Amino acid sequence: MIYDRKKIEQLREMYPKGTRICLDRMEDKFAVESGTCGTVQGVDDGGNILMKWDNGRGLSIVPDVDSFHVVESTECEESEDIGMNM
């Protein structure tokens, strides 16, 4: 999916670096598991949300394709602790 500059800027404002996200569903052959939390690293020029997942993966989120929601950092502490032990 390709977004125009205005949409990309909106995504960058909505999901700044450091935003915590929980994945609901990812449409990808190598999808990150549903329920995994991660931290936004940025939004690229194509509108993909660059992620560092707590389980060590780095697959990006594609807005309007993948399903996710923003969480408070305290909501994912357990997931983060598990990811660090892998």
PDB file of N, CA and C in Angstrom:
ATOM      1  N   MET A   1       0.846  -1.171   0.000  1.00  0.00           N
ATOM      2  CA  MET A   1       0.000   0.000   0.000  1.00  0.00           C
ATOM      3  C   MET A   1       0.895   1.239   0.000  1.00  0.00           C
ATOM      4  N   ILE A   2       0.589   2.204  -0.854  1.00  0.00           N
ATOM      5  CA  ILE A   2       1.382   3.426  -0.934  1.00  0.00           C
ATOM      6  C   ILE A   2       0.510   4.605  -0.539  1.00  0.00           C
ATOM      7  N   TYR A   3       1.070   5.461   0.305  1.00  0.00           N
ATOM      8  CA  TYR A   3       0.345   6.617   0.818  1.00  0.00           C
ATOM      9  C   TYR A   3       0.938   7.898   0.266  1.00  0.00           C
ATOM     10  N   ASP A   4       0.110   8.954   0.198  1.00  0.00           N
ATOM     11  CA  ASP A   4       0.628  10.254  -0.212  1.00  0.00           C
ATOM     12  C   ASP A   4       1.346  10.911   0.975  1.00  0.00           C
ATOM     13  N   ARG A   5       2.047  12.003   0.706  1.00  0.00           N
ATOM     14  CA  ARG A   5       2.844  12.683   1.734  1.00  0.00           C
ATOM     15  C   ARG A   5       2.018  13.110   2.941  1.00  0.00           C
ATOM     16  N   LYS A   6       0.803  13.579   2.685  1.00  0.00           N
ATOM     17  CA  LYS A   6      -0.058  14.028   3.785  1.00  0.00           C
ATOM     18  C   LYS A   6      -0.368  12.864   4.731  1.00  0.00           C
ATOM     19  N   LYS A   7      -0.711  11.705   4.183  1.00  0.00           N
ATOM     20  CA  LYS A   7      -1.027  10.536   4.996  1.00  0.00           C
ATOM     21  C   LYS A   7       0.210  10.072   5.768  1.00  0.00           C
ATOM     22  N   ILE A   8       1.363  10.110   5.132  1.00  0.00           N
ATOM     23  CA  ILE A   8       2.603   9.703   5.803  1.00  0.00           C
ATOM     24  C   ILE A   8       2.904  10.631   6.975  1.00  0.00           C
ATOM     25  N   GLU A   9       2.718  11.918   6.794  1.00  0.00           N
ATOM     26  CA  GLU A   9       2.938  12.863   7.890  1.00  0.00           C
ATOM     27  C   GLU A   9       1.944  12.624   9.029  1.00  0.00           C
ATOM     28  N   GLN A  10       0.696  12.305   8.680  1.00  0.00           N
ATOM     29  CA  GLN A  10      -0.299  11.980   9.710  1.00  0.00           C
ATOM     30  C   GLN A  10       0.124  10.747  10.503  1.00  0.00           C
ATOM     31  N   LEU A  11       0.614   9.734   9.799  1.00  0.00           N
ATOM     32  CA  LEU A  11       1.073   8.523  10.470  1.00  0.00           C
ATOM     33  C   LEU A  11       2.247   8.831  11.395  1.00  0.00           C
ATOM     34  N   ARG A  12       3.160   9.684  10.957  1.00  0.00           N
ATOM     35  CA  ARG A  12       4.314  10.050  11.786  1.00  0.00           C
ATOM     36  C   ARG A  12       3.884  10.804  13.042  1.00  0.00           C
ATOM     37  N   GLU A  13       2.837  11.607  12.924  1.00  0.00           N
ATOM     38  CA  GLU A  13       2.314  12.320  14.093  1.00  0.00           C
ATOM     39  C   GLU A  13       1.570  11.370  15.036  1.00  0.00           C
ATOM     40  N   MET A  14       0.828  10.421  14.473  1.00  0.00           N
ATOM     41  CA  MET A  14       0.041   9.488  15.276  1.00  0.00           C
ATOM     42  C   MET A  14       0.916   8.452  15.979  1.00  0.00           C
ATOM     43  N   TYR A  15       2.011   8.055  15.331  1.00  0.00           N
ATOM     44  CA  TYR A  15       2.860   6.977  15.844  1.00  0.00           C
ATOM     45  C   TYR A  15       4.327   7.411  15.884  1.00  0.00           C
ATOM     46  N   PRO A  16       4.642   8.385  16.751  1.00  0.00           N
ATOM     47  CA  PRO A  16       6.038   8.835  16.836  1.00  0.00           C
ATOM     48  C   PRO A  16       6.935   7.745  17.423  1.00  0.00           C
ATOM     49  N   LYS A  17       8.216   7.880  17.189  1.00  0.00           N
ATOM     50  CA  LYS A  17       9.197   6.931  17.737  1.00  0.00           C
ATOM     51  C   LYS A  17       8.972   6.791  19.234  1.00  0.00           C
ATOM     52  N   GLY A  18       8.966   5.546  19.704  1.00  0.00           N
ATOM     53  CA  GLY A  18       8.757   5.262  21.120  1.00  0.00           C
ATOM     54  C   GLY A  18       7.343   4.851  21.473  1.00  0.00           C
ATOM     55  N   THR A  19       6.388   5.044  20.546  1.00  0.00           N
ATOM     56  CA  THR A  19       5.004   4.628  20.790  1.00  0.00           C
ATOM     57  C   THR A  19       4.954   3.115  20.962  1.00  0.00           C
ATOM     58  N   ARG A  20       4.206   2.661  21.963  1.00  0.00           N
ATOM     59  CA  ARG A  20       4.054   1.228  22.206  1.00  0.00           C
ATOM     60  C   ARG A  20       2.790   0.734  21.507  1.00  0.00           C
ATOM     61  N   ILE A  21       2.922  -0.374  20.804  1.00  0.00           N
ATOM     62  CA  ILE A  21       1.830  -0.947  20.009  1.00  0.00           C
ATOM     63  C   ILE A  21       1.681  -2.421  20.339  1.00  0.00           C
ATOM     64  N   CYS A  22       0.429  -2.889  20.335  1.00  0.00           N
ATOM     65  CA  CYS A  22       0.131  -4.316  20.458  1.00  0.00           C
ATOM     66  C   CYS A  22      -0.491  -4.757  19.134  1.00  0.00           C
ATOM     67  N   LEU A  23       0.028  -5.811  18.570  1.00  0.00           N
ATOM     68  CA  LEU A  23      -0.449  -6.321  17.291  1.00  0.00           C
ATOM     69  C   LEU A  23      -1.700  -7.172  17.493  1.00  0.00           C
ATOM     70  N   ASP A  24      -2.741  -6.867  16.734  1.00  0.00           N
ATOM     71  CA  ASP A  24      -3.959  -7.678  16.751  1.00  0.00           C
ATOM     72  C   ASP A  24      -3.893  -8.767  15.672  1.00  0.00           C
ATOM     73  N   ARG A  25      -3.482  -8.362  14.470  1.00  0.00           N
ATOM     74  CA  ARG A  25      -3.408  -9.301  13.342  1.00  0.00           C
ATOM     75  C   ARG A  25      -2.502  -8.709  12.269  1.00  0.00           C
ATOM     76  N   MET A  26      -1.656  -9.552  11.704  1.00  0.00           N
ATOM     77  CA  MET A  26      -0.761  -9.106  10.639  1.00  0.00           C
ATOM     78  C   MET A  26      -0.986  -9.968   9.411  1.00  0.00           C
ATOM     79  N   GLU A  27      -1.150  -9.318   8.279  1.00  0.00           N
ATOM     80  CA  GLU A  27      -1.343 -10.009   7.002  1.00  0.00           C
ATOM     81  C   GLU A  27       0.006 -10.157   6.312  1.00  0.00           C
ATOM     82  N   ASP A  28       0.749 -11.185   6.674  1.00  0.00           N
ATOM     83  CA  ASP A  28       2.073 -11.409   6.104  1.00  0.00           C
ATOM     84  C   ASP A  28       2.413 -12.886   6.250  1.00  0.00           C
ATOM     85  N   LYS A  29       3.099 -13.429   5.277  1.00  0.00           N
ATOM     86  CA  LYS A  29       3.493 -14.832   5.318  1.00  0.00           C
ATOM     87  C   LYS A  29       4.354 -15.128   6.546  1.00  0.00           C
ATOM     88  N   PHE A  30       5.152 -14.158   6.961  1.00  0.00           N
ATOM     89  CA  PHE A  30       6.048 -14.323   8.114  1.00  0.00           C
ATOM     90  C   PHE A  30       5.596 -13.453   9.276  1.00  0.00           C
ATOM     91  N   ALA A  31       4.294 -13.366   9.485  1.00  0.00           N
ATOM     92  CA  ALA A  31       3.686 -12.464  10.460  1.00  0.00           C
ATOM     93  C   ALA A  31       4.220 -12.641  11.874  1.00  0.00           C
ATOM     94  N   VAL A  32       4.277 -11.513  12.568  1.00  0.00           N
ATOM     95  CA  VAL A  32       4.541 -11.507  14.002  1.00  0.00           C
ATOM     96  C   VAL A  32       3.268 -12.033  14.663  1.00  0.00           C
ATOM     97  N   GLU A  33       3.401 -12.755  15.754  1.00  0.00           N
ATOM     98  CA  GLU A  33       2.268 -13.370  16.420  1.00  0.00           C
ATOM     99  C   GLU A  33       1.313 -12.317  16.991  1.00  0.00           C
ATOM    100  N   SER A  34       0.025 -12.557  16.857  1.00  0.00           N
ATOM    101  CA  SER A  34      -0.989 -11.675  17.445  1.00  0.00           C
ATOM    102  C   SER A  34      -0.763 -11.575  18.946  1.00  0.00           C
ATOM    103  N   GLY A  35      -0.958 -10.372  19.491  1.00  0.00           N
ATOM    104  CA  GLY A  35      -0.767 -10.143  20.911  1.00  0.00           C
ATOM    105  C   GLY A  35       0.637  -9.684  21.271  1.00  0.00           C
ATOM    106  N   THR A  36       1.545  -9.700  20.295  1.00  0.00           N
ATOM    107  CA  THR A  36       2.913  -9.262  20.547  1.00  0.00           C
ATOM    108  C   THR A  36       2.945  -7.738  20.638  1.00  0.00           C
ATOM    109  N   CYS A  37       3.708  -7.237  21.598  1.00  0.00           N
ATOM    110  CA  CYS A  37       3.892  -5.797  21.748  1.00  0.00           C
ATOM    111  C   CYS A  37       5.245  -5.396  21.183  1.00  0.00           C
ATOM    112  N   GLY A  38       5.336  -4.121  20.838  1.00  0.00           N
ATOM    113  CA  GLY A  38       6.593  -3.608  20.313  1.00  0.00           C
ATOM    114  C   GLY A  38       6.635  -2.098  20.380  1.00  0.00           C
ATOM    115  N   THR A  39       7.770  -1.547  19.961  1.00  0.00           N
ATOM    116  CA  THR A  39       8.012  -0.116  20.023  1.00  0.00           C
ATOM    117  C   THR A  39       8.238   0.427  18.616  1.00  0.00           C
ATOM    118  N   VAL A  40       7.550   1.517  18.290  1.00  0.00           N
ATOM    119  CA  VAL A  40       7.705   2.174  16.997  1.00  0.00           C
ATOM    120  C   VAL A  40       9.111   2.765  16.900  1.00  0.00           C
ATOM    121  N   GLN A  41       9.774   2.493  15.765  1.00  0.00           N
ATOM    122  CA  GLN A  41      11.088   3.056  15.489  1.00  0.00           C
ATOM    123  C   GLN A  41      10.993   4.239  14.530  1.00  0.00           C
ATOM    124  N   GLY A  42       9.845   4.348  13.861  1.00  0.00           N
ATOM    125  CA  GLY A  42       9.628   5.439  12.912  1.00  0.00           C
ATOM    126  C   GLY A  42       8.615   5.025  11.862  1.00  0.00           C
ATOM    127  N   VAL A  43       8.350   5.935  10.932  1.00  0.00           N
ATOM    128  CA  VAL A  43       7.477   5.655   9.788  1.00  0.00           C
ATOM    129  C   VAL A  43       8.291   5.965   8.545  1.00  0.00           C
ATOM    130  N   ASP A  44       8.409   4.989   7.640  1.00  0.00           N
ATOM    131  CA  ASP A  44       9.225   5.207   6.449  1.00  0.00           C
ATOM    132  C   ASP A  44       8.472   6.020   5.393  1.00  0.00           C
ATOM    133  N   ASP A  45       9.142   6.313   4.285  1.00  0.00           N
ATOM    134  CA  ASP A  45       8.554   7.152   3.239  1.00  0.00           C
ATOM    135  C   ASP A  45       7.416   6.474   2.489  1.00  0.00           C
ATOM    136  N   GLY A  46       7.213   5.175   2.711  1.00  0.00           N
ATOM    137  CA  GLY A  46       6.093   4.470   2.105  1.00  0.00           C
ATOM    138  C   GLY A  46       4.898   4.363   3.033  1.00  0.00           C
ATOM    139  N   GLY A  47       5.059   4.847   4.283  1.00  0.00           N
ATOM    140  CA  GLY A  47       3.970   4.801   5.244  1.00  0.00           C
ATOM    141  C   GLY A  47       3.966   3.559   6.115  1.00  0.00           C
ATOM    142  N   ASN A  48       4.984   2.716   6.009  1.00  0.00           N
ATOM    143  CA  ASN A  48       5.092   1.539   6.873  1.00  0.00           C
ATOM    144  C   ASN A  48       5.584   1.966   8.247  1.00  0.00           C
ATOM    145  N   ILE A  49       5.025   1.371   9.294  1.00  0.00           N
ATOM    146  CA  ILE A  49       5.438   1.677  10.659  1.00  0.00           C
ATOM    147  C   ILE A  49       6.558   0.705  11.021  1.00  0.00           C
ATOM    148  N   LEU A  50       7.755   1.238  11.196  1.00  0.00           N
ATOM    149  CA  LEU A  50       8.934   0.429  11.501  1.00  0.00           C
ATOM    150  C   LEU A  50       8.900   0.051  12.966  1.00  0.00           C
ATOM    151  N   MET A  51       9.007  -1.246  13.243  1.00  0.00           N
ATOM    152  CA  MET A  51       8.821  -1.755  14.601  1.00  0.00           C
ATOM    153  C   MET A  51      10.029  -2.510  15.122  1.00  0.00           C
ATOM    154  N   LYS A  52      10.193  -2.445  16.430  1.00  0.00           N
ATOM    155  CA  LYS A  52      11.099  -3.343  17.155  1.00  0.00           C
ATOM    156  C   LYS A  52      10.184  -4.108  18.097  1.00  0.00           C
ATOM    157  N   TRP A  53       9.896  -5.355  17.751  1.00  0.00           N
ATOM    158  CA  TRP A  53       8.987  -6.173  18.536  1.00  0.00           C
ATOM    159  C   TRP A  53       9.699  -6.710  19.765  1.00  0.00           C
ATOM    160  N   ASP A  54       8.953  -6.886  20.846  1.00  0.00           N
ATOM    161  CA  ASP A  54       9.518  -7.368  22.107  1.00  0.00           C
ATOM    162  C   ASP A  54      10.096  -8.782  21.986  1.00  0.00           C
ATOM    163  N   ASN A  55       9.658  -9.532  20.980  1.00  0.00           N
ATOM    164  CA  ASN A  55      10.178 -10.891  20.792  1.00  0.00           C
ATOM    165  C   ASN A  55      11.439 -10.906  19.927  1.00  0.00           C
ATOM    166  N   GLY A  56      11.962  -9.709  19.607  1.00  0.00           N
ATOM    167  CA  GLY A  56      13.207  -9.614  18.854  1.00  0.00           C
ATOM    168  C   GLY A  56      13.042  -9.442  17.359  1.00  0.00           C
ATOM    169  N   ARG A  57      11.832  -9.554  16.853  1.00  0.00           N
ATOM    170  CA  ARG A  57      11.589  -9.412  15.414  1.00  0.00           C
ATOM    171  C   ARG A  57      11.547  -7.946  15.024  1.00  0.00           C
ATOM    172  N   GLY A  58      11.606  -7.682  13.720  1.00  0.00           N
ATOM    173  CA  GLY A  58      11.620  -6.312  13.240  1.00  0.00           C
ATOM    174  C   GLY A  58      10.689  -6.049  12.078  1.00  0.00           C
ATOM    175  N   LEU A  59       9.689  -6.896  11.865  1.00  0.00           N
ATOM    176  CA  LEU A  59       8.775  -6.735  10.737  1.00  0.00           C
ATOM    177  C   LEU A  59       7.889  -5.505  10.913  1.00  0.00           C
ATOM    178  N   SER A  60       7.788  -4.694   9.854  1.00  0.00           N
ATOM    179  CA  SER A  60       7.002  -3.456   9.891  1.00  0.00           C
ATOM    180  C   SER A  60       5.506  -3.723   9.830  1.00  0.00           C
ATOM    181  N   ILE A  61       4.740  -2.759  10.340  1.00  0.00           N
ATOM    182  CA  ILE A  61       3.284  -2.778  10.250  1.00  0.00           C
ATOM    183  C   ILE A  61       2.872  -1.995   9.010  1.00  0.00           C
ATOM    184  N   VAL A  62       1.907  -2.526   8.279  1.00  0.00           N
ATOM    185  CA  VAL A  62       1.333  -1.817   7.141  1.00  0.00           C
ATOM    186  C   VAL A  62      -0.049  -1.318   7.572  1.00  0.00           C
ATOM    187  N   PRO A  63      -0.183  -0.005   7.821  1.00  0.00           N
ATOM    188  CA  PRO A  63      -1.488   0.531   8.225  1.00  0.00           C
ATOM    189  C   PRO A  63      -2.549   0.224   7.168  1.00  0.00           C
ATOM    190  N   ASP A  64      -3.776   0.069   7.591  1.00  0.00           N
ATOM    191  CA  ASP A  64      -4.915  -0.239   6.722  1.00  0.00           C
ATOM    192  C   ASP A  64      -4.863  -1.659   6.167  1.00  0.00           C
ATOM    193  N   VAL A  65      -3.836  -2.429   6.518  1.00  0.00           N
ATOM    194  CA  VAL A  65      -3.744  -3.843   6.155  1.00  0.00           C
ATOM    195  C   VAL A  65      -3.656  -4.660   7.442  1.00  0.00           C
ATOM    196  N   ASP A  66      -2.697  -4.304   8.290  1.00  0.00           N
ATOM    197  CA  ASP A  66      -2.510  -4.976   9.574  1.00  0.00           C
ATOM    198  C   ASP A  66      -3.381  -4.309  10.633  1.00  0.00           C
ATOM    199  N   SER A  67      -3.706  -5.048  11.662  1.00  0.00           N
ATOM    200  CA  SER A  67      -4.569  -4.566  12.735  1.00  0.00           C
ATOM    201  C   SER A  67      -3.743  -4.460  14.019  1.00  0.00           C
ATOM    202  N   PHE A  68      -3.808  -3.298  14.692  1.00  0.00           N
ATOM    203  CA  PHE A  68      -3.006  -3.067  15.889  1.00  0.00           C
ATOM    204  C   PHE A  68      -3.630  -1.961  16.714  1.00  0.00           C
ATOM    205  N   HIS A  69      -3.150  -1.807  17.951  1.00  0.00           N
ATOM    206  CA  HIS A  69      -3.626  -0.695  18.769  1.00  0.00           C
ATOM    207  C   HIS A  69      -2.487  -0.204  19.660  1.00  0.00           C
ATOM    208  N   VAL A  70      -2.558   1.071  19.993  1.00  0.00           N
ATOM    209  CA  VAL A  70      -1.571   1.698  20.867  1.00  0.00           C
ATOM    210  C   VAL A  70      -1.873   1.295  22.302  1.00  0.00           C
ATOM    211  N   VAL A  71      -0.828   1.025  23.063  1.00  0.00           N
ATOM    212  CA  VAL A  71      -0.973   0.658  24.475  1.00  0.00           C
ATOM    213  C   VAL A  71      -0.040   1.525  25.322  1.00  0.00           C
ATOM    214  N   GLU A  72      -0.355   1.599  26.592  1.00  0.00           N
ATOM    215  CA  GLU A  72       0.544   2.245  27.538  1.00  0.00           C
ATOM    216  C   GLU A  72       1.740   1.321  27.747  1.00  0.00           C
ATOM    217  N   SER A  73       2.888   1.862  28.009  1.00  0.00           N
ATOM    218  CA  SER A  73       4.089   1.033  28.161  1.00  0.00           C
ATOM    219  C   SER A  73       3.928  -0.007  29.267  1.00  0.00           C
ATOM    220  N   THR A  74       3.172   0.315  30.316  1.00  0.00           N
ATOM    221  CA  THR A  74       2.986  -0.628  31.422  1.00  0.00           C
ATOM    222  C   THR A  74       2.132  -1.830  31.028  1.00  0.00           C
ATOM    223  N   GLU A  75       1.331  -1.708  29.970  1.00  0.00           N
ATOM    224  CA  GLU A  75       0.473  -2.814  29.541  1.00  0.00           C
ATOM    225  C   GLU A  75       1.266  -3.944  28.894  1.00  0.00           C
ATOM    226  N   CYS A  76       2.494  -3.669  28.495  1.00  0.00           N
ATOM    227  CA  CYS A  76       3.280  -4.671  27.782  1.00  0.00           C
ATOM    228  C   CYS A  76       4.536  -5.082  28.539  1.00  0.00           C
ATOM    229  N   GLU A  77       4.663  -4.721  29.786  1.00  0.00           N
ATOM    230  CA  GLU A  77       5.883  -5.043  30.517  1.00  0.00           C
ATOM    231  C   GLU A  77       6.145  -6.532  30.566  1.00  0.00           C
ATOM    232  N   GLU A  78       5.091  -7.336  30.774  1.00  0.00           N
ATOM    233  CA  GLU A  78       5.261  -8.787  30.836  1.00  0.00           C
ATOM    234  C   GLU A  78       5.758  -9.312  29.507  1.00  0.00           C
ATOM    235  N   SER A  79       5.185  -8.827  28.397  1.00  0.00           N
ATOM    236  CA  SER A  79       5.592  -9.257  27.072  1.00  0.00           C
ATOM    237  C   SER A  79       7.047  -8.857  26.811  1.00  0.00           C
ATOM    238  N   GLU A  80       7.432  -7.660  27.255  1.00  0.00           N
ATOM    239  CA  GLU A  80       8.789  -7.179  27.044  1.00  0.00           C
ATOM    240  C   GLU A  80       9.784  -8.053  27.798  1.00  0.00           C
ATOM    241  N   ASP A  81       9.467  -8.423  29.039  1.00  0.00           N
ATOM    242  CA  ASP A  81      10.339  -9.280  29.832  1.00  0.00           C
ATOM    243  C   ASP A  81      10.529 -10.634  29.157  1.00  0.00           C
ATOM    244  N   ILE A  82       9.464 -11.190  28.597  1.00  0.00           N
ATOM    245  CA  ILE A  82       9.548 -12.477  27.910  1.00  0.00           C
ATOM    246  C   ILE A  82      10.440 -12.353  26.686  1.00  0.00           C
ATOM    247  N   GLY A  83      10.261 -11.269  25.916  1.00  0.00           N
ATOM    248  CA  GLY A  83      11.054 -11.065  24.706  1.00  0.00           C
ATOM    249  C   GLY A  83      12.535 -10.961  24.984  1.00  0.00           C
ATOM    250  N   MET A  84      12.915 -10.406  26.129  1.00  0.00           N
ATOM    251  CA  MET A  84      14.315 -10.244  26.460  1.00  0.00           C
ATOM    252  C   MET A  84      14.968 -11.567  26.837  1.00  0.00           C
ATOM    253  N   ASN A  85      14.183 -12.551  27.214  1.00  0.00           N
ATOM    254  CA  ASN A  85      14.727 -13.840  27.619  1.00  0.00           C
ATOM    255  C   ASN A  85      14.895 -14.791  26.441  1.00  0.00           C
ATOM    256  N   MET A  86      14.516 -14.384  25.270  1.00  0.00           N
ATOM    257  CA  MET A  86      14.591 -15.276  24.100  1.00  0.00           C
ATOM    258  C   MET A  86      15.964 -15.210  23.482  1.00  0.00           C
TER     259      MET A  86
END
